[in-house]
């Protein structure tokens, strides 16, 4: 799969982030990021956050 493809869609929604290839959703995760404020570092993303 090429890095940029016309068949790849990314939806950065307010509740869920979805990535689709063609007509198939290949990733669906909550749009959430956990940040360690003192270290200014992202510690988790998606469901794990």
N, C-alpha and C. Protein backbone atom coordinates (compact mmCIF):
# COMPACT_ATOMS: atom_id res chain seq x y z
N UNK A 1 0.85 -1.18 0.00
CA UNK A 1 0.00 0.00 0.00
C UNK A 1 0.89 1.24 0.00
N UNK A 2 0.61 2.16 -0.87
CA UNK A 2 1.35 3.42 -0.94
C UNK A 2 1.01 4.30 0.26
N UNK A 3 1.93 5.20 0.58
CA UNK A 3 1.70 6.11 1.71
C UNK A 3 0.48 6.99 1.45
N UNK A 4 0.37 7.51 0.24
CA UNK A 4 -0.79 8.31 -0.13
C UNK A 4 -1.59 7.55 -1.17
N UNK A 5 -2.85 7.35 -0.89
CA UNK A 5 -3.71 6.57 -1.77
C UNK A 5 -5.07 7.21 -1.86
N UNK A 6 -5.68 7.13 -2.99
CA UNK A 6 -7.03 7.68 -3.16
C UNK A 6 -8.07 6.84 -2.45
N UNK A 7 -7.73 5.64 -2.07
CA UNK A 7 -8.67 4.73 -1.42
C UNK A 7 -8.61 4.79 0.10
N UNK A 8 -7.80 5.68 0.66
CA UNK A 8 -7.65 5.77 2.11
C UNK A 8 -8.35 7.02 2.61
N UNK A 9 -9.23 6.84 3.59
CA UNK A 9 -9.95 7.97 4.16
C UNK A 9 -9.70 8.05 5.66
N UNK A 10 -9.49 9.27 6.16
CA UNK A 10 -9.26 9.50 7.59
C UNK A 10 -10.31 10.47 8.09
N UNK A 11 -11.04 10.08 9.13
CA UNK A 11 -12.07 10.92 9.74
C UNK A 11 -11.66 11.19 11.18
N UNK A 12 -11.18 12.41 11.45
CA UNK A 12 -10.79 12.80 12.81
C UNK A 12 -12.00 13.43 13.48
N UNK A 13 -12.92 12.60 13.91
CA UNK A 13 -14.15 13.08 14.52
C UNK A 13 -13.95 13.50 15.96
N UNK A 14 -14.98 14.10 16.55
CA UNK A 14 -14.89 14.56 17.93
C UNK A 14 -15.00 13.42 18.93
N UNK A 15 -15.63 12.33 18.54
CA UNK A 15 -15.77 11.17 19.43
C UNK A 15 -14.88 10.02 18.98
N UNK A 16 -14.87 9.72 17.70
CA UNK A 16 -14.09 8.60 17.17
C UNK A 16 -13.25 9.04 15.98
N UNK A 17 -12.06 8.45 15.89
CA UNK A 17 -11.22 8.60 14.71
C UNK A 17 -11.36 7.31 13.92
N UNK A 18 -11.62 7.45 12.63
CA UNK A 18 -11.78 6.27 11.78
C UNK A 18 -10.85 6.38 10.59
N UNK A 19 -10.29 5.24 10.22
CA UNK A 19 -9.50 5.15 9.00
C UNK A 19 -10.12 4.05 8.16
N UNK A 20 -10.40 4.38 6.91
CA UNK A 20 -11.02 3.42 6.00
C UNK A 20 -10.16 3.26 4.77
N UNK A 21 -10.09 2.03 4.30
CA UNK A 21 -9.42 1.72 3.05
C UNK A 21 -10.48 1.19 2.10
N UNK A 22 -10.71 1.93 1.04
CA UNK A 22 -11.83 1.59 0.16
C UNK A 22 -13.12 1.76 0.93
N UNK A 23 -13.95 0.74 0.98
CA UNK A 23 -15.21 0.82 1.72
C UNK A 23 -15.14 0.07 3.05
N UNK A 24 -13.94 -0.30 3.50
CA UNK A 24 -13.77 -1.06 4.74
C UNK A 24 -13.08 -0.21 5.80
N UNK A 25 -13.70 -0.10 6.99
CA UNK A 25 -13.09 0.61 8.11
C UNK A 25 -12.02 -0.31 8.70
N UNK A 26 -10.76 0.17 8.73
CA UNK A 26 -9.66 -0.66 9.24
C UNK A 26 -9.21 -0.23 10.63
N UNK A 27 -9.65 0.95 11.10
CA UNK A 27 -9.33 1.40 12.45
C UNK A 27 -10.45 2.29 12.95
N UNK A 28 -10.91 2.03 14.16
CA UNK A 28 -11.89 2.89 14.82
C UNK A 28 -11.48 2.99 16.28
N UNK A 29 -11.06 4.18 16.69
CA UNK A 29 -10.57 4.42 18.05
C UNK A 29 -11.20 5.70 18.59
N UNK A 30 -11.36 5.80 19.90
CA UNK A 30 -11.82 7.07 20.47
C UNK A 30 -10.79 8.17 20.18
N UNK A 31 -11.28 9.37 19.92
CA UNK A 31 -10.40 10.51 19.68
C UNK A 31 -9.99 11.08 21.03
N UNK A 32 -8.98 10.45 21.64
CA UNK A 32 -8.51 10.82 22.99
C UNK A 32 -6.99 10.71 23.02
N UNK A 33 -6.37 11.67 23.70
CA UNK A 33 -4.92 11.63 23.93
C UNK A 33 -4.67 11.91 25.40
N UNK A 34 -3.87 11.08 26.06
CA UNK A 34 -3.48 11.31 27.45
C UNK A 34 -2.07 11.90 27.45
N UNK A 35 -1.91 13.02 28.16
CA UNK A 35 -0.63 13.74 28.18
C UNK A 35 -0.12 13.84 29.61
N UNK A 36 1.16 13.57 29.80
CA UNK A 36 1.82 13.81 31.09
C UNK A 36 2.25 15.27 31.07
N UNK A 37 1.56 16.10 31.85
CA UNK A 37 1.76 17.55 31.77
C UNK A 37 3.15 17.99 32.21
N UNK A 38 3.69 17.40 33.26
CA UNK A 38 5.01 17.81 33.73
C UNK A 38 6.11 17.47 32.73
N UNK A 39 5.98 16.32 32.07
CA UNK A 39 6.98 15.91 31.08
C UNK A 39 6.65 16.42 29.68
N UNK A 40 5.46 16.98 29.51
CA UNK A 40 4.98 17.44 28.20
C UNK A 40 5.15 16.33 27.15
N UNK A 41 4.60 15.16 27.49
CA UNK A 41 4.77 13.98 26.66
C UNK A 41 3.44 13.25 26.51
N UNK A 42 3.15 12.80 25.30
CA UNK A 42 1.98 11.96 25.06
C UNK A 42 2.27 10.58 25.61
N UNK A 43 1.38 10.08 26.47
CA UNK A 43 1.61 8.78 27.09
C UNK A 43 0.68 7.69 26.55
N UNK A 44 -0.50 8.04 26.09
CA UNK A 44 -1.44 7.06 25.51
C UNK A 44 -2.31 7.76 24.48
N UNK A 45 -2.80 6.98 23.53
CA UNK A 45 -3.76 7.50 22.55
C UNK A 45 -4.87 6.49 22.36
N UNK A 46 -6.01 6.95 21.89
CA UNK A 46 -7.12 6.07 21.57
C UNK A 46 -7.71 5.37 22.78
N UNK A 47 -8.07 4.11 22.61
CA UNK A 47 -8.73 3.33 23.65
C UNK A 47 -7.90 3.24 24.93
N UNK A 48 -6.58 3.14 24.82
CA UNK A 48 -5.71 3.02 25.99
C UNK A 48 -5.70 4.27 26.85
N UNK A 49 -5.98 5.43 26.25
CA UNK A 49 -6.00 6.69 27.01
C UNK A 49 -7.22 6.73 27.90
